[in-house]
Amino acid sequence: MITTIIVIFILALIITGAVYSIAKDKKAGKSSCGCSCGNCPNAKYCHQTK
């Protein structure tokens, strides 16, 4: 029982950290793919001009 709670707590920490990192990168304007957009079929959706 206690091991299950510990495992769930650790997984919750990992998920929270991942969500925080993604939100921080998005706020900074970084792309999530990290590669060249020249060959990406979704480039027009990621980098729309205003």
C-alpha atoms as a PDB file:
ATOM      1  CA  MET A   1       0.000   0.000   0.000  1.00  0.00           C
ATOM      2  CA  ILE A   2       2.701   2.505   0.951  1.00  0.00           C
ATOM      3  CA  THR A   3       4.783   1.581  -2.108  1.00  0.00           C
ATOM      4  CA  THR A   4       1.824   2.357  -4.364  1.00  0.00           C
ATOM      5  CA  ILE A   5       1.456   5.789  -2.791  1.00  0.00           C
ATOM      6  CA  ILE A   6       5.183   6.468  -3.209  1.00  0.00           C
ATOM      7  CA  VAL A   7       5.122   5.407  -6.868  1.00  0.00           C
ATOM      8  CA  ILE A   8       2.064   7.586  -7.566  1.00  0.00           C
ATOM      9  CA  PHE A   9       3.753  10.539  -5.842  1.00  0.00           C
ATOM     10  CA  ILE A  10       6.923  10.116  -7.905  1.00  0.00           C
ATOM     11  CA  LEU A  11       4.925   9.857 -11.142  1.00  0.00           C
ATOM     12  CA  ALA A  12       2.955  12.978 -10.195  1.00  0.00           C
ATOM     13  CA  LEU A  13       6.230  14.856  -9.659  1.00  0.00           C
ATOM     14  CA  ILE A  14       7.563  13.754 -13.042  1.00  0.00           C
ATOM     15  CA  ILE A  15       4.356  14.752 -14.835  1.00  0.00           C
ATOM     16  CA  THR A  16       4.242  18.103 -13.043  1.00  0.00           C
ATOM     17  CA  GLY A  17       7.846  18.788 -14.016  1.00  0.00           C
ATOM     18  CA  ALA A  18       7.185  17.919 -17.657  1.00  0.00           C
ATOM     19  CA  VAL A  19       4.111  20.151 -17.832  1.00  0.00           C
ATOM     20  CA  TYR A  20       6.016  23.001 -16.173  1.00  0.00           C
ATOM     21  CA  SER A  21       8.896  22.620 -18.643  1.00  0.00           C
ATOM     22  CA  ILE A  22       6.558  22.615 -21.656  1.00  0.00           C
ATOM     23  CA  ALA A  23       4.680  25.677 -20.371  1.00  0.00           C
ATOM     24  CA  LYS A  24       7.948  27.513 -19.679  1.00  0.00           C
ATOM     25  CA  ASP A  25       9.261  26.762 -23.187  1.00  0.00           C
ATOM     26  CA  LYS A  26       5.991  27.811 -24.798  1.00  0.00           C
ATOM     27  CA  LYS A  27       6.008  31.082 -22.864  1.00  0.00           C
ATOM     28  CA  ALA A  28       9.581  31.708 -24.045  1.00  0.00           C
ATOM     29  CA  GLY A  29       8.500  31.123 -27.660  1.00  0.00           C
ATOM     30  CA  LYS A  30      10.455  27.923 -28.181  1.00  0.00           C
ATOM     31  CA  SER A  31       9.183  25.297 -30.589  1.00  0.00           C
ATOM     32  CA  SER A  32       8.284  21.887 -29.247  1.00  0.00           C
ATOM     33  CA  CYS A  33       9.732  19.917 -32.150  1.00  0.00           C
ATOM     34  CA  GLY A  34      13.297  21.278 -31.995  1.00  0.00           C
ATOM     35  CA  CYS A  35      14.097  20.635 -35.643  1.00  0.00           C
ATOM     36  CA  SER A  36      13.984  22.410 -38.978  1.00  0.00           C
ATOM     37  CA  CYS A  37      10.510  23.410 -40.092  1.00  0.00           C
ATOM     38  CA  GLY A  38      11.379  23.192 -43.790  1.00  0.00           C
ATOM     39  CA  ASN A  39      10.140  19.618 -44.105  1.00  0.00           C
ATOM     40  CA  CYS A  40       7.414  19.767 -41.483  1.00  0.00           C
ATOM     41  CA  PRO A  41       3.842  19.520 -42.818  1.00  0.00           C
ATOM     42  CA  ASN A  42       2.567  21.433 -39.757  1.00  0.00           C
ATOM     43  CA  ALA A  43       4.954  24.397 -40.041  1.00  0.00           C
ATOM     44  CA  LYS A  44       2.192  26.733 -41.156  1.00  0.00           C
ATOM     45  CA  TYR A  45       0.277  25.976 -37.945  1.00  0.00           C
ATOM     46  CA  CYS A  46       3.226  26.301 -35.566  1.00  0.00           C
ATOM     47  CA  HIS A  47       4.673  29.527 -36.902  1.00  0.00           C
ATOM     48  CA  GLN A  48       1.776  31.609 -38.145  1.00  0.00           C
ATOM     49  CA  THR A  49       2.579  35.176 -39.081  1.00  0.00           C
ATOM     50  CA  LYS A  50       0.546  37.840 -37.376  1.00  0.00           C
END
